[in-house]
Amino acid sequence: MDENRGAYQRKMEARLKEWEAKIRKLKAKAEQIGGDARLQYLIQVEELKGRKKKAEAKLADLKQSGRTAWNDVKSGLETAFADLKKAFESAKGSFR
C-alpha cells in the first residue's frame, strides 16, 4: 500500500472516532432535555449516526479500491465527511 494512502486512511479512521465522540456528547445532551425537544434532538442524533455510517462505508470502499479508483473513492469520502460536518453543525446549533 502506498504510504500516503495508508496515512490518509489512518487520518480518516481517527476522524471517524472523533465524530463518534461528538455524536455521543450530543446524544447525552439530548437525553437531558425533556418533552418534544428531546425527541427532535434524538432524531437529529440518529441522522448524524446515519451520515457517519455512510462515511464509514466510503472509507471501507477506499480501503478496497485499486490504485486507479482510489482518487474517485477518496473524493466520495471527502464529500461524506463534509455532509457529516454540515449536519453536525446544524444539529449542534439547534441544541442551544
Protein backbone atom coordinates (compact mmCIF):
# COMPACT_ATOMS: atom_id res chain seq x y z
CA MET A 1 0.00 0.00 0.00
CA ASP A 2 1.23 3.45 -0.82
CA GLU A 3 2.48 5.25 2.30
CA ASN A 4 0.40 8.36 1.59
CA ARG A 5 -2.68 6.26 1.09
CA GLY A 6 -2.10 4.43 4.36
CA ALA A 7 -1.57 7.70 6.23
CA TYR A 8 -4.74 9.11 4.69
CA GLN A 9 -6.75 6.06 5.76
CA ARG A 10 -5.44 6.30 9.32
CA LYS A 11 -6.32 10.00 9.37
CA MET A 12 -9.87 9.27 8.24
CA GLU A 13 -10.24 6.49 10.80
CA ALA A 14 -9.18 8.93 13.52
CA ARG A 15 -11.69 11.49 12.25
CA LEU A 16 -14.45 8.89 12.43
CA LYS A 17 -13.57 8.22 16.06
CA GLU A 18 -13.74 11.95 16.76
CA TRP A 19 -17.17 12.14 15.12
CA GLU A 20 -18.35 9.19 17.20
CA ALA A 21 -17.35 11.04 20.38
CA LYS A 22 -19.07 14.24 19.23
CA ILE A 23 -22.26 12.36 18.40
CA ARG A 24 -22.23 10.65 21.80
CA LYS A 25 -21.94 14.06 23.50
CA LEU A 26 -24.91 15.41 21.56
CA LYS A 27 -26.92 12.32 22.42
CA ALA A 28 -26.13 12.78 26.11
CA LYS A 29 -27.31 16.40 25.91
CA ALA A 30 -30.48 15.33 24.11
CA GLU A 31 -31.28 12.79 26.79
CA GLN A 32 -31.13 15.50 29.46
CA ILE A 33 -33.81 17.57 27.71
CA GLY A 34 -37.47 16.87 28.30
CA GLY A 35 -40.56 16.79 26.16
CA ASP A 36 -40.87 17.13 22.42
CA ALA A 37 -37.50 18.85 22.12
CA ARG A 38 -35.82 15.68 23.33
CA LEU A 39 -37.46 13.66 20.58
CA GLN A 40 -36.39 16.16 17.93
CA TYR A 41 -32.80 16.15 19.16
CA LEU A 42 -32.69 12.36 19.28
CA ILE A 43 -33.94 12.27 15.69
CA GLN A 44 -31.08 14.58 14.71
CA VAL A 45 -28.62 12.34 16.54
CA GLU A 46 -29.90 9.33 14.60
CA GLU A 47 -29.48 11.26 11.36
CA LEU A 48 -25.88 12.01 12.33
CA LYS A 49 -25.29 8.34 13.05
CA GLY A 50 -26.61 7.52 9.58
CA ARG A 51 -24.27 10.02 7.95
CA LYS A 52 -21.37 8.63 9.96
CA LYS A 53 -22.23 5.14 8.72
CA LYS A 54 -22.12 6.44 5.15
CA ALA A 55 -18.67 7.88 5.81
CA GLU A 56 -17.59 4.52 7.28
CA ALA A 57 -18.85 2.76 4.16
CA LYS A 58 -16.91 5.17 1.93
CA LEU A 59 -13.79 4.51 4.00
CA ALA A 60 -14.32 0.78 3.55
CA ASP A 61 -14.65 1.36 -0.19
CA LEU A 62 -11.44 3.36 -0.13
CA LYS A 63 -9.59 0.54 1.61
CA GLN A 64 -10.76 -1.93 -1.03
CA SER A 65 -10.22 0.30 -4.05
CA GLY A 66 -7.44 -0.21 -6.53
CA ARG A 67 -4.92 2.44 -7.46
CA THR A 68 -6.94 3.74 -10.39
CA ALA A 69 -10.21 4.14 -8.47
CA TRP A 70 -8.60 5.48 -5.31
CA ASN A 71 -8.94 9.19 -6.17
CA ASP A 72 -12.62 8.81 -7.10
CA VAL A 73 -13.38 6.94 -3.90
CA LYS A 74 -11.35 9.46 -1.89
CA SER A 75 -13.48 12.26 -3.33
CA GLY A 76 -16.64 10.46 -2.25
CA LEU A 77 -15.23 10.02 1.24
CA GLU A 78 -14.40 13.73 1.48
CA THR A 79 -17.97 14.55 0.44
CA ALA A 80 -19.37 12.19 3.08
CA PHE A 81 -17.25 13.86 5.76
CA ALA A 82 -18.36 17.32 4.60
CA ASP A 83 -22.01 16.23 4.78
CA LEU A 84 -21.47 14.83 8.27
CA LYS A 85 -19.83 18.05 9.43
CA LYS A 86 -22.62 20.20 7.99
CA ALA A 87 -25.31 18.06 9.65
CA PHE A 88 -23.43 18.10 12.95
CA GLU A 89 -23.10 21.88 12.94
CA SER A 90 -26.81 22.20 12.19
CA ALA A 91 -27.74 19.80 14.99
CA LYS A 92 -25.33 21.41 17.42
CA GLY A 93 -26.80 24.83 16.66
CA SER A 94 -30.30 23.63 17.47
CA PHE A 95 -29.16 22.36 20.88
CA ARG A 96 -28.51 25.92 22.06
